[in-house]
Amino acid sequence: MQYIDIGAFFLKVSSLQYDNDVIVSAAGRILVIDSACLQRCLEKLLVSLTKVKFYEKQRLIIVSDLKNVRMETKIFDKKKTIDLRKKHIGPSCKVFFSHDPIKIVRAKGQYMYDENGNQYLDCINNVAHVGHSHPIVVKAGAKQMELLNTNSRFLHDNLVQYAQRLQATLPEKLSVCYFVNSGSEANDLALRLAWQYTGHKDIITLENAYHGHVSSLINISPYKFHQLSNAEQSKSVHVALSPDVYRGIYKKDHPDPATAYADDVKNLIHKAHENGHKIAAFIAESLQSCGGQVIPPAGYFQKVAQHVHKAGGLFIADEVQVGFGRVGTHFWAFQLQGEDFVPDIVTMGKPIGNGHPISCVVTTREIAEAFRNSGMEYFNTFGGNPVSCAIGLAVLDVIEKEDLQGNALRVGRYLMQLLEQLKEKHPLVGDIRGCGLFVGVELVRDRVKLTPATAECQDIIYKLKEQHILLSADGPHRNVLKLKPPMCFSEEDVDLVVEKIDQILTGTLKTLCVCLKSKKPPQVLNLKLT
């Protein structure tokens, strides 16, 4: 006689503990399941009811003769999974924590679980916007999938209802939606809209920017194309200074950093015109993520838009990672610049579907009409399908019902407050910046020279992983701890993360002091981490 936690699909029996007919998974949950769910699970596992005893009172399942049960889903041990990945998955597809990757089998809310049931606090997964496996979102997708999933050439209310709900969150002039499947598709389409509307070709992008993985976007993503060996920057792409007031040329003490950085864009436009080039668009993340959690100074986008519009170009706001209430004070991050700023095109990514592949481009009626006049029909087989739109509507419902924008504001402010205290205590912390649940912690070895503490940053990430906290780093020097957790992140989660970072930084400081006294290089600086 053996027991199996069918409700969570823990098919690896060795991961369970048995005590007096009580089934407890490795994650510490007692199985709760109703008879209808039991029937579906048994069908999934091809187990007949004759082999099952179901105790309604205790809500327990006892499965006999488990050896003869054929499991539909196999769970390999981690080594085999790694070996198979190396054999069948492209070698450029990297994993987190490459020397000891984590195998995740399920997730809920802000937590992820490995194959042994160990719980990890997820501080980086902005794609699971309203929380992993949110039951309302899952139910909406499953319910619609049972009815219909087809392309948008057929009329369906989900498409227009979702477009209507989405547009209601945006400025009035942004009224036309194109639904696609990913942030990369959205940004690629945004470029096509700009090229068609303006008749121009050149694009202005920012230092360290990342906008997607398709060819057109690699060309405008310095974060990517600078990694290519012997790569030449396209002559139609112009890279402006990142509006970074901490590490950039114009810092916080500059009398007007917004104008100074916008003038750099103005100069790029002037040089392009001198060389016979015309600007189609300026594209920027409303808050620069891969560039190191950079918050542009207020007024920067307005001034850039003036220069770009004067040159006949459009302004594209990439909200893939920062939209949908993440900044707390506003629903969209571009709104941080002020009510007088409205982009010409806004792009969104998978967070709008909580990880389901749905994305969107929203633009003006004028730009949309110009795109239609090209004579080429635009069609996307799965963009805006009924299931994706049902999921998108559910995400909007959850954000509103659970006040996740308000939660981002409250928890984000609490996080910033504790991190500022951390900065006062640890000289390795150079800068704290962020809005809502979009926060960066830049580590430096010298606060005057701003020497990047890259190795120390990687060391912190791996030590946090040992504490079952998932965090990552970004920025051109990989020295910025980035926090972009699911929007259900709590103040208790903040307490835990900051406490653990504090402990690690205290240990790092002690190590550095010992090494300086002995004149030996600190061990942390010699770690080879990726």
Protein backbone atom coordinates (compact mmCIF):
# COMPACT_ATOMS: atom_id res chain seq x y z
CA MET A 1 0.00 0.00 0.00
CA GLN A 2 1.40 3.43 -1.03
CA TYR A 3 0.13 6.96 -0.95
CA ILE A 4 0.25 9.63 -3.63
CA ASP A 5 -0.64 13.33 -3.51
CA ILE A 6 -2.62 13.41 -6.73
CA GLY A 7 -4.04 16.89 -6.19
CA ALA A 8 -0.63 18.51 -6.65
CA PHE A 9 0.54 15.84 -9.13
CA PHE A 10 3.44 14.83 -6.92
CA LEU A 11 4.11 11.73 -8.98
CA LYS A 12 7.43 11.04 -7.34
CA VAL A 13 6.26 8.94 -4.40
CA SER A 14 9.57 9.23 -2.56
CA SER A 15 8.90 12.95 -2.07
CA LEU A 16 5.98 12.19 0.27
CA GLN A 17 5.87 11.44 3.98
CA TYR A 18 3.35 9.04 5.47
CA ASP A 19 2.11 9.10 9.05
CA ASN A 20 -0.98 7.25 10.28
CA ASP A 21 -2.82 7.47 6.96
CA VAL A 22 -2.20 11.23 6.66
CA ILE A 23 -0.64 12.23 3.36
CA VAL A 24 1.74 15.17 3.65
CA SER A 25 3.64 16.38 0.60
CA ALA A 26 7.25 17.48 0.79
CA ALA A 27 5.97 21.06 0.64
CA GLY A 28 4.20 20.45 3.96
CA ARG A 29 0.63 20.49 2.68
CA ILE A 30 -2.11 18.06 3.66
CA LEU A 31 -3.93 17.03 0.53
CA VAL A 32 -7.33 18.62 0.04
CA ILE A 33 -9.34 17.37 -2.93
CA ASP A 34 -13.03 16.90 -3.78
CA SER A 35 -14.52 13.87 -5.47
CA ALA A 36 -14.92 15.56 -8.88
CA CYS A 37 -11.30 16.64 -8.87
CA LEU A 38 -10.32 13.16 -7.76
CA GLN A 39 -12.07 11.62 -10.76
CA ARG A 40 -10.26 13.96 -13.19
CA CYS A 41 -6.92 13.25 -11.53
CA LEU A 42 -7.45 9.52 -11.67
CA GLU A 43 -8.34 9.72 -15.35
CA LYS A 44 -5.17 11.72 -15.92
CA LEU A 45 -3.12 9.06 -14.15
CA LEU A 46 -5.06 6.15 -15.67
CA VAL A 47 -5.92 4.81 -12.22
CA SER A 48 -9.25 3.04 -11.85
CA LEU A 49 -11.54 3.80 -8.93
CA THR A 50 -11.33 0.14 -7.92
CA LYS A 51 -7.74 0.74 -6.81
CA VAL A 52 -8.62 3.80 -4.74
CA LYS A 53 -10.04 4.34 -1.30
CA PHE A 54 -11.30 7.88 -0.84
CA TYR A 55 -11.87 9.04 2.71
CA GLU A 56 -14.26 12.02 2.50
CA LYS A 57 -13.95 12.99 6.16
CA GLN A 58 -10.18 13.32 6.20
CA ARG A 59 -9.97 14.16 2.48
CA LEU A 60 -7.30 11.54 1.93
CA ILE A 61 -6.54 9.29 -0.98
CA ILE A 62 -5.04 5.84 -0.65
CA VAL A 63 -3.96 4.21 -3.90
CA SER A 64 -3.21 0.51 -3.87
CA ASP A 65 -1.09 -1.44 -6.34
CA LEU A 66 0.83 1.68 -7.38
CA LYS A 67 3.40 -0.41 -9.24
CA ASN A 68 0.82 -1.18 -11.91
CA VAL A 69 -0.19 2.44 -12.39
CA ARG A 70 1.18 3.96 -15.60
CA MET A 71 2.21 7.55 -15.00
CA GLU A 72 1.45 9.87 -17.90
CA THR A 73 3.98 12.50 -16.77
CA LYS A 74 7.52 11.43 -16.00
CA ILE A 75 9.67 13.26 -13.51
CA PHE A 76 13.35 12.71 -14.11
CA ASP A 77 16.00 13.20 -11.48
CA LYS A 78 17.73 16.56 -11.87
CA LYS A 79 20.91 15.11 -13.38
CA LYS A 80 18.95 13.39 -16.13
CA THR A 81 17.01 16.58 -16.83
CA ILE A 82 20.29 18.48 -17.14
CA ASP A 83 21.77 15.81 -19.42
CA LEU A 84 18.70 15.82 -21.66
CA ARG A 85 18.73 19.60 -21.79
CA LYS A 86 22.37 19.59 -22.88
CA LYS A 87 21.56 17.00 -25.54
CA HIS A 88 18.39 18.48 -27.02
CA ILE A 89 18.23 22.20 -26.12
CA GLY A 90 20.33 24.85 -27.88
CA PRO A 91 23.56 25.57 -25.98
CA SER A 92 22.93 29.34 -26.05
CA CYS A 93 19.73 28.83 -24.00
CA LYS A 94 21.10 29.52 -20.53
CA VAL A 95 19.66 28.65 -17.12
CA PHE A 96 19.73 30.48 -13.81
CA PHE A 97 22.52 29.42 -11.43
CA SER A 98 24.42 27.52 -14.11
CA HIS A 99 26.73 25.57 -11.77
CA ASP A 100 23.79 24.30 -9.70
CA PRO A 101 20.48 25.06 -11.45
CA ILE A 102 17.13 24.70 -9.72
CA LYS A 103 14.49 22.35 -11.09
CA ILE A 104 11.10 23.98 -10.58
CA VAL A 105 8.00 21.76 -10.82
CA ARG A 106 5.24 24.06 -9.58
CA ALA A 107 4.58 27.55 -8.26
CA LYS A 108 1.88 29.48 -6.44
CA GLY A 109 1.66 33.17 -5.63
CA GLN A 110 5.17 34.47 -5.01
CA TYR A 111 6.59 31.02 -4.29
CA MET A 112 8.18 28.36 -6.48
CA TYR A 113 8.84 24.71 -5.56
CA ASP A 114 11.53 22.31 -6.72
CA GLU A 115 11.18 18.57 -7.30
CA ASN A 116 11.88 17.91 -3.63
CA GLY A 117 9.19 20.29 -2.42
CA ASN A 118 11.60 23.01 -1.30
CA GLN A 119 9.96 26.44 -1.33
CA TYR A 120 11.71 29.44 -2.94
CA LEU A 121 10.63 33.07 -2.64
CA ASP A 122 10.46 34.47 -6.17
CA CYS A 123 11.76 38.05 -6.29
CA ILE A 124 12.34 38.28 -10.03
CA ASN A 125 9.45 36.71 -11.94
CA ASN A 126 7.58 39.75 -13.21
CA VAL A 127 5.97 37.59 -15.92
CA ALA A 128 3.78 35.93 -13.26
CA HIS A 129 2.34 39.39 -12.72
CA VAL A 130 -0.55 38.64 -10.34
CA GLY A 131 1.13 35.57 -8.84
CA HIS A 132 2.02 32.13 -10.12
CA SER A 133 -0.92 29.84 -10.97
CA HIS A 134 -3.52 32.35 -9.86
CA PRO A 135 -6.77 30.34 -9.61
CA ILE A 136 -8.95 33.03 -11.23
CA VAL A 137 -6.63 33.32 -14.21
CA VAL A 138 -6.22 29.55 -14.56
CA LYS A 139 -9.97 29.01 -14.34
CA ALA A 140 -10.72 31.68 -16.96
CA GLY A 141 -8.30 30.12 -19.44
CA ALA A 142 -9.51 26.57 -18.84
CA LYS A 143 -13.19 27.54 -19.08
CA GLN A 144 -12.72 29.32 -22.40
CA MET A 145 -10.53 26.53 -23.76
CA GLU A 146 -13.37 24.08 -23.12
CA LEU A 147 -15.63 26.22 -25.32
CA LEU A 148 -13.54 27.60 -28.17
CA ASN A 149 -10.11 28.74 -29.24
CA THR A 150 -9.70 30.12 -32.73
CA ASN A 151 -8.16 33.05 -34.58
CA SER A 152 -9.47 36.59 -34.59
CA ARG A 153 -10.90 36.47 -38.12
CA PHE A 154 -14.05 35.15 -36.48
CA LEU A 155 -16.07 37.56 -34.37
CA HIS A 156 -15.79 36.97 -30.65
CA ASP A 157 -16.73 39.17 -27.70
CA ASN A 158 -13.58 38.39 -25.69
CA LEU A 159 -11.44 40.29 -28.19
CA VAL A 160 -13.46 43.50 -28.19
CA GLN A 161 -14.20 43.37 -24.45
CA TYR A 162 -10.52 43.03 -23.66
CA ALA A 163 -9.54 45.81 -26.07
CA GLN A 164 -12.17 48.05 -24.45
CA ARG A 165 -10.98 47.26 -20.91
CA LEU A 166 -7.35 47.77 -21.87
CA GLN A 167 -7.96 51.06 -23.61
CA ALA A 168 -9.81 52.38 -20.56
CA THR A 169 -6.53 52.28 -18.62
CA LEU A 170 -4.72 54.42 -21.21
CA PRO A 171 -4.93 58.03 -22.43
CA GLU A 172 -7.88 58.55 -24.78
CA LYS A 173 -5.88 58.97 -27.98
CA LEU A 174 -4.31 55.51 -27.56
CA SER A 175 -7.39 53.71 -28.82
CA VAL A 176 -6.40 51.00 -31.33
CA CYS A 177 -5.09 47.57 -30.26
CA TYR A 178 -3.10 44.91 -32.10
CA PHE A 179 -2.87 41.68 -30.14
CA VAL A 180 0.22 39.49 -30.52
CA ASN A 181 1.96 36.74 -28.54
CA SER A 182 5.09 38.20 -26.96
CA GLY A 183 6.90 41.39 -26.10
CA SER A 184 9.24 40.77 -29.01
CA GLU A 185 6.33 40.53 -31.44
CA ALA A 186 4.84 43.70 -29.96
CA ASN A 187 8.02 45.74 -30.35
CA ASP A 188 8.65 44.40 -33.85
CA LEU A 189 5.14 45.45 -34.87
CA ALA A 190 5.65 48.86 -33.26
CA LEU A 191 8.67 49.42 -35.51
CA ARG A 192 6.60 48.45 -38.56
CA LEU A 193 3.91 50.93 -37.56
CA ALA A 194 6.50 53.69 -37.19
CA TRP A 195 8.22 52.90 -40.47
CA GLN A 196 4.92 52.89 -42.36
CA TYR A 197 3.50 56.03 -40.75
CA THR A 198 6.61 58.20 -41.07
CA GLY A 199 8.12 56.80 -44.24
CA HIS A 200 11.46 56.99 -42.41
CA LYS A 201 13.78 54.17 -41.38
CA ASP A 202 16.11 55.23 -38.58
CA ILE A 203 15.55 54.32 -34.93
CA ILE A 204 16.94 55.95 -31.79
CA THR A 205 17.47 53.61 -28.85
CA LEU A 206 19.19 53.89 -25.46
CA GLU A 207 22.47 52.54 -24.14
CA ASN A 208 22.09 49.05 -22.62
CA ALA A 209 18.52 48.78 -23.95
CA TYR A 210 16.82 45.44 -24.60
CA HIS A 211 13.58 45.20 -26.61
CA GLY A 212 13.38 41.59 -27.79
CA HIS A 213 15.03 38.64 -29.48
CA VAL A 214 13.92 38.87 -33.14
CA SER A 215 16.36 40.28 -35.69
CA SER A 216 14.78 43.74 -35.96
CA LEU A 217 15.01 44.14 -32.17
CA ILE A 218 18.50 42.75 -31.72
CA ASN A 219 19.53 45.57 -34.06
CA ILE A 220 18.11 48.18 -31.66
CA SER A 221 19.15 46.44 -28.42
CA PRO A 222 22.70 47.41 -27.39
CA TYR A 223 22.31 45.04 -24.43
CA LYS A 224 22.38 42.28 -27.04
CA PHE A 225 24.31 43.46 -30.09
CA HIS A 226 27.30 44.57 -28.02
CA GLN A 227 27.72 40.90 -27.07
CA LEU A 228 28.20 39.88 -30.70
CA SER A 229 31.76 39.38 -31.88
CA ASN A 230 32.78 41.62 -34.78
CA ALA A 231 29.27 43.06 -34.91
CA GLU A 232 28.71 46.36 -36.66
CA GLN A 233 25.99 48.68 -35.45
CA SER A 234 23.39 49.30 -38.13
CA LYS A 235 23.75 52.72 -39.74
CA SER A 236 20.02 53.25 -39.26
CA VAL A 237 20.28 52.77 -35.47
CA HIS A 238 21.43 55.59 -33.21
CA VAL A 239 22.27 54.96 -29.53
CA ALA A 240 21.49 57.74 -27.07
CA LEU A 241 22.86 58.09 -23.56
CA SER A 242 20.96 56.17 -20.91
CA PRO A 243 19.26 58.76 -18.64
CA ASP A 244 21.03 57.30 -15.60
CA VAL A 245 21.44 59.96 -12.92
CA TYR A 246 23.62 57.71 -10.76
CA ARG A 247 26.25 56.31 -13.12
CA GLY A 248 25.65 58.40 -16.24
CA ILE A 249 27.33 61.60 -17.43
CA TYR A 250 24.63 63.84 -15.91
CA LYS A 251 24.04 62.86 -12.30
CA LYS A 252 21.52 63.76 -9.59
CA ASP A 253 23.44 66.94 -8.71
CA HIS A 254 23.10 68.28 -12.29
CA PRO A 255 20.78 71.32 -12.39
CA ASP A 256 18.64 69.82 -15.19
CA PRO A 257 19.54 66.21 -16.10
CA ALA A 258 16.30 65.72 -18.08
CA THR A 259 17.20 68.48 -20.54
CA ALA A 260 20.86 67.42 -20.70
CA TYR A 261 20.01 63.82 -21.62
CA ALA A 262 17.26 64.95 -24.04
CA ASP A 263 19.77 67.25 -25.76
CA ASP A 264 21.86 64.16 -26.49
CA VAL A 265 18.91 62.79 -28.47
CA LYS A 266 18.55 66.15 -30.19
CA ASN A 267 22.20 66.01 -31.24
CA LEU A 268 21.80 62.46 -32.58
CA ILE A 269 18.89 63.61 -34.71
CA HIS A 270 20.94 66.53 -36.05
CA LYS A 271 23.85 64.23 -36.98
CA ALA A 272 21.49 61.76 -38.63
CA HIS A 273 19.98 64.51 -40.76
CA GLU A 274 23.43 65.71 -41.76
CA ASN A 275 24.14 62.22 -43.08
CA GLY A 276 20.89 62.00 -45.01
CA HIS A 277 19.02 59.84 -42.49
CA LYS A 278 15.48 60.44 -41.20
CA ILE A 279 14.13 59.36 -37.81
CA ALA A 280 11.17 56.97 -37.71
CA ALA A 281 11.01 56.50 -33.95
CA PHE A 282 12.59 56.79 -30.55
CA ILE A 283 12.02 53.65 -28.44
CA ALA A 284 12.65 53.25 -24.73
CA GLU A 285 11.47 51.18 -21.80
CA SER A 286 9.54 53.55 -19.58
CA LEU A 287 11.89 52.36 -16.82
CA GLN A 288 15.04 50.75 -18.12
CA SER A 289 15.25 47.19 -16.82
CA CYS A 290 18.19 45.32 -18.35
CA GLY A 291 20.07 48.60 -18.33
CA GLY A 292 20.17 48.42 -14.52
CA GLN A 293 16.74 49.45 -13.18
CA VAL A 294 17.22 53.02 -14.40
CA ILE A 295 14.56 55.63 -13.53
CA PRO A 296 14.61 58.51 -16.07
CA PRO A 297 14.46 62.02 -14.59
CA ALA A 298 11.03 63.65 -14.71
CA GLY A 299 10.46 65.61 -17.90
CA TYR A 300 12.98 63.62 -19.96
CA PHE A 301 10.39 61.85 -22.14
CA GLN A 302 8.49 65.08 -22.87
CA LYS A 303 11.63 66.80 -24.11
CA VAL A 304 12.71 63.77 -26.16
CA ALA A 305 9.24 63.53 -27.71
CA GLN A 306 9.44 67.19 -28.77
CA HIS A 307 12.73 66.60 -30.58
CA VAL A 308 11.55 63.35 -32.17
CA HIS A 309 8.19 64.75 -33.30
CA LYS A 310 9.92 67.79 -34.80
CA ALA A 311 12.06 65.36 -36.82
CA GLY A 312 8.93 63.55 -38.06
CA GLY A 313 9.35 60.52 -35.82
CA LEU A 314 7.22 58.70 -33.23
CA PHE A 315 7.74 57.89 -29.56
CA ILE A 316 7.42 54.18 -28.62
CA ALA A 317 7.04 53.38 -24.90
CA ASP A 318 8.02 49.79 -24.08
CA GLU A 319 5.93 48.77 -21.05
CA VAL A 320 6.65 45.04 -21.33
CA GLN A 321 8.29 44.75 -17.91
CA VAL A 322 6.95 47.79 -16.06
CA GLY A 323 3.28 48.24 -16.92
CA PHE A 324 0.00 47.08 -15.36
CA GLY A 325 0.34 48.81 -12.00
CA ARG A 326 3.85 47.67 -11.14
CA VAL A 327 5.07 51.20 -10.36
CA GLY A 328 2.30 51.62 -7.77
CA THR A 329 1.39 55.27 -8.21
CA HIS A 330 0.22 54.75 -11.80
CA PHE A 331 -1.04 51.94 -14.00
CA TRP A 332 1.60 52.65 -16.66
CA ALA A 333 5.21 53.61 -15.99
CA PHE A 334 5.27 56.28 -18.73
CA GLN A 335 2.70 58.17 -16.61
CA LEU A 336 5.45 58.84 -14.06
CA GLN A 337 6.68 61.53 -16.45
CA GLY A 338 3.47 63.53 -16.04
CA GLU A 339 -0.04 63.81 -17.47
CA ASP A 340 1.22 65.94 -20.37
CA PHE A 341 3.21 63.04 -21.80
CA VAL A 342 1.46 60.50 -24.05
CA PRO A 343 3.49 58.14 -26.27
CA ASP A 344 2.45 57.50 -29.86
CA ILE A 345 2.74 53.73 -29.42
CA VAL A 346 2.73 51.57 -26.27
CA THR A 347 3.89 47.95 -26.24
CA MET A 348 3.08 45.28 -23.66
CA GLY A 349 4.32 41.74 -22.97
CA LYS A 350 3.51 38.47 -21.25
CA PRO A 351 2.83 39.91 -17.76
CA ILE A 352 -0.56 41.02 -19.15
CA GLY A 353 -1.46 37.32 -19.40
CA ASN A 354 0.35 36.29 -16.20
CA GLY A 355 2.80 34.31 -18.32
CA HIS A 356 0.31 33.15 -20.93
CA PRO A 357 1.61 34.22 -24.37
CA ILE A 358 -0.47 37.31 -25.02
CA SER A 359 0.88 40.78 -25.75
CA CYS A 360 -0.38 43.97 -27.28
CA VAL A 361 0.49 47.11 -29.24
CA VAL A 362 -1.74 50.13 -28.66
CA THR A 363 -1.55 53.21 -30.86
CA THR A 364 -3.55 56.11 -32.26
CA ARG A 365 -6.26 55.87 -34.91
CA GLU A 366 -4.15 58.01 -37.26
CA ILE A 367 -1.15 55.66 -37.08
CA ALA A 368 -3.38 52.59 -37.44
CA GLU A 369 -5.03 54.01 -40.57
CA ALA A 370 -1.63 54.71 -42.11
CA PHE A 371 -0.62 51.11 -41.42
CA ARG A 372 -3.77 49.86 -43.16
CA ASN A 373 -3.06 52.08 -46.15
CA SER A 374 0.15 50.17 -46.79
CA GLY A 375 -2.02 47.67 -48.64
CA MET A 376 -0.72 44.74 -46.58
CA GLU A 377 -3.19 42.96 -44.33
CA TYR A 378 -1.97 42.33 -40.80
CA PHE A 379 -2.89 38.93 -39.39
CA ASN A 380 -1.65 37.03 -36.36
CA THR A 381 -3.07 33.53 -35.96
CA PHE A 382 -3.05 33.39 -32.16
CA GLY A 383 -2.92 37.10 -31.36
CA GLY A 384 -6.16 37.96 -29.58
CA ASN A 385 -7.60 34.45 -29.56
CA PRO A 386 -10.55 33.88 -27.17
CA VAL A 387 -8.49 31.97 -24.59
CA SER A 388 -5.75 34.61 -24.45
CA CYS A 389 -8.29 37.41 -24.13
CA ALA A 390 -10.19 35.54 -21.39
CA ILE A 391 -6.93 35.25 -19.48
CA GLY A 392 -6.10 38.92 -20.09
CA LEU A 393 -9.51 39.96 -18.77
CA ALA A 394 -9.00 37.77 -15.69
CA VAL A 395 -5.63 39.42 -15.00
CA LEU A 396 -7.26 42.86 -15.09
CA ASP A 397 -9.97 41.57 -12.74
CA VAL A 398 -7.40 40.28 -10.25
CA ILE A 399 -5.36 43.49 -10.33
CA GLU A 400 -8.52 45.44 -9.49
CA LYS A 401 -10.15 43.05 -6.99
CA GLU A 402 -6.97 42.37 -5.04
CA ASP A 403 -5.74 45.98 -5.26
CA LEU A 404 -2.39 44.84 -6.59
CA GLN A 405 -1.44 48.31 -7.79
CA GLY A 406 -2.03 49.58 -4.27
CA ASN A 407 -0.06 46.63 -2.90
CA ALA A 408 2.84 47.49 -5.22
CA LEU A 409 2.81 51.04 -3.89
CA ARG A 410 2.66 50.08 -0.21
CA VAL A 411 5.08 47.15 -0.31
CA GLY A 412 7.40 48.96 -2.72
CA ARG A 413 7.69 51.96 -0.39
CA TYR A 414 8.37 49.66 2.55
CA LEU A 415 11.04 47.85 0.50
CA MET A 416 12.72 51.12 -0.46
CA GLN A 417 12.67 52.26 3.17
CA LEU A 418 14.43 49.11 4.41
CA LEU A 419 16.92 49.19 1.54
CA GLU A 420 17.83 52.80 2.33
CA GLN A 421 18.59 51.68 5.89
CA LEU A 422 20.74 48.93 4.38
CA LYS A 423 22.61 51.53 2.34
CA GLU A 424 23.41 53.54 5.49
CA LYS A 425 24.82 50.41 7.10
CA HIS A 426 26.81 48.89 4.22
CA PRO A 427 29.23 50.92 2.07
CA LEU A 428 28.97 48.25 -0.65
CA VAL A 429 25.44 49.55 -1.40
CA GLY A 430 25.93 52.49 -3.72
CA ASP A 431 22.42 53.38 -4.85
CA ILE A 432 18.80 52.42 -4.20
CA ARG A 433 16.31 53.30 -6.92
CA GLY A 434 12.87 52.19 -7.93
CA CYS A 435 9.13 52.72 -8.13
CA GLY A 436 6.61 50.33 -6.64
CA LEU A 437 7.73 46.75 -7.15
CA PHE A 438 10.45 47.71 -9.63
CA VAL A 439 13.58 48.24 -7.55
CA GLY A 440 17.34 48.15 -8.14
CA VAL A 441 20.22 47.95 -5.65
CA GLU A 442 23.51 48.98 -7.23
CA LEU A 443 26.61 47.59 -5.51
CA VAL A 444 29.94 49.42 -5.74
CA ARG A 445 33.34 48.94 -4.14
CA ASP A 446 33.92 52.68 -4.05
CA ARG A 447 31.09 55.19 -3.76
CA VAL A 448 33.18 57.97 -5.28
CA LYS A 449 34.68 56.10 -8.22
CA LEU A 450 31.53 53.93 -8.57
CA THR A 451 33.67 50.83 -9.13
CA PRO A 452 31.18 48.05 -9.90
CA ALA A 453 31.01 45.28 -7.28
CA THR A 454 30.18 42.64 -9.88
CA ALA A 455 31.65 39.57 -8.17
CA GLU A 456 30.14 40.53 -4.83
CA CYS A 457 26.76 40.94 -6.50
CA GLN A 458 26.95 37.45 -7.98
CA ASP A 459 28.07 36.07 -4.64
CA ILE A 460 25.00 37.59 -2.95
CA ILE A 461 22.70 36.02 -5.55
CA TYR A 462 24.10 32.54 -4.98
CA LYS A 463 24.03 32.90 -1.21
CA LEU A 464 20.41 34.03 -1.37
CA LYS A 465 19.66 30.97 -3.45
CA GLU A 466 21.05 28.85 -0.61
CA GLN A 467 18.52 30.67 1.61
CA HIS A 468 15.78 29.76 -0.90
CA ILE A 469 15.41 33.30 -2.22
CA LEU A 470 15.59 33.87 -5.98
CA LEU A 471 17.14 37.13 -7.10
CA SER A 472 19.15 38.16 -10.17
CA ALA A 473 21.41 40.97 -11.34
CA ASP A 474 21.50 43.24 -14.36
CA GLY A 475 23.00 46.42 -15.70
CA PRO A 476 26.01 46.83 -17.99
CA HIS A 477 28.32 45.68 -15.19
CA ARG A 478 25.97 43.04 -13.75
CA ASN A 479 26.22 44.75 -10.38
CA VAL A 480 22.59 45.78 -9.84
CA LEU A 481 20.36 43.49 -7.78
CA LYS A 482 16.94 43.69 -9.42
CA LEU A 483 13.65 43.08 -7.65
CA LYS A 484 10.62 42.60 -9.90
CA PRO A 485 8.53 40.05 -7.96
CA PRO A 486 4.93 38.99 -8.56
CA MET A 487 2.58 41.79 -7.52
CA CYS A 488 1.28 39.80 -4.54
CA PHE A 489 4.66 40.27 -2.80
CA SER A 490 4.15 41.13 0.88
CA GLU A 491 5.87 43.16 3.59
CA GLU A 492 6.77 39.86 5.29
CA ASP A 493 8.56 38.86 2.08
CA VAL A 494 10.38 42.19 2.11
CA ASP A 495 11.50 41.63 5.72
CA LEU A 496 12.92 38.23 4.80
CA VAL A 497 14.77 39.38 1.68
CA VAL A 498 16.32 42.48 3.24
CA GLU A 499 17.28 40.57 6.40
CA LYS A 500 19.11 37.93 4.35
CA ILE A 501 20.87 40.53 2.17
CA ASP A 502 21.90 42.35 5.36
CA GLN A 503 23.38 39.15 6.80
CA ILE A 504 25.27 38.38 3.60
CA LEU A 505 26.61 41.92 3.29
CA THR A 506 27.76 41.81 6.92
CA GLY A 507 29.63 38.59 6.23
CA THR A 508 31.11 40.03 3.03
CA LEU A 509 32.33 43.12 4.90
CA LYS A 510 34.01 40.97 7.54
CA THR A 511 35.72 38.93 4.83
CA LEU A 512 36.98 42.09 3.13
CA CYS A 513 38.32 43.49 6.41
CA VAL A 514 40.18 40.27 7.22
CA CYS A 515 41.65 40.15 3.73
CA LEU A 516 42.78 43.77 3.87
CA LYS A 517 44.56 43.19 7.19
CA SER A 518 46.31 40.09 5.84
CA LYS A 519 46.87 41.76 2.45
CA LYS A 520 45.29 38.78 0.77
CA PRO A 521 42.76 39.26 -2.00
CA PRO A 522 39.20 38.69 -0.74
CA GLN A 523 37.90 35.27 -1.69
CA VAL A 524 34.63 36.66 -2.97
CA LEU A 525 36.44 38.52 -5.75
CA ASN A 526 37.86 35.28 -7.13
CA LEU A 527 34.53 33.51 -7.52
CA LYS A 528 33.81 32.47 -11.09
CA LEU A 529 30.04 32.78 -11.29
CA THR A 530 27.67 33.19 -14.20
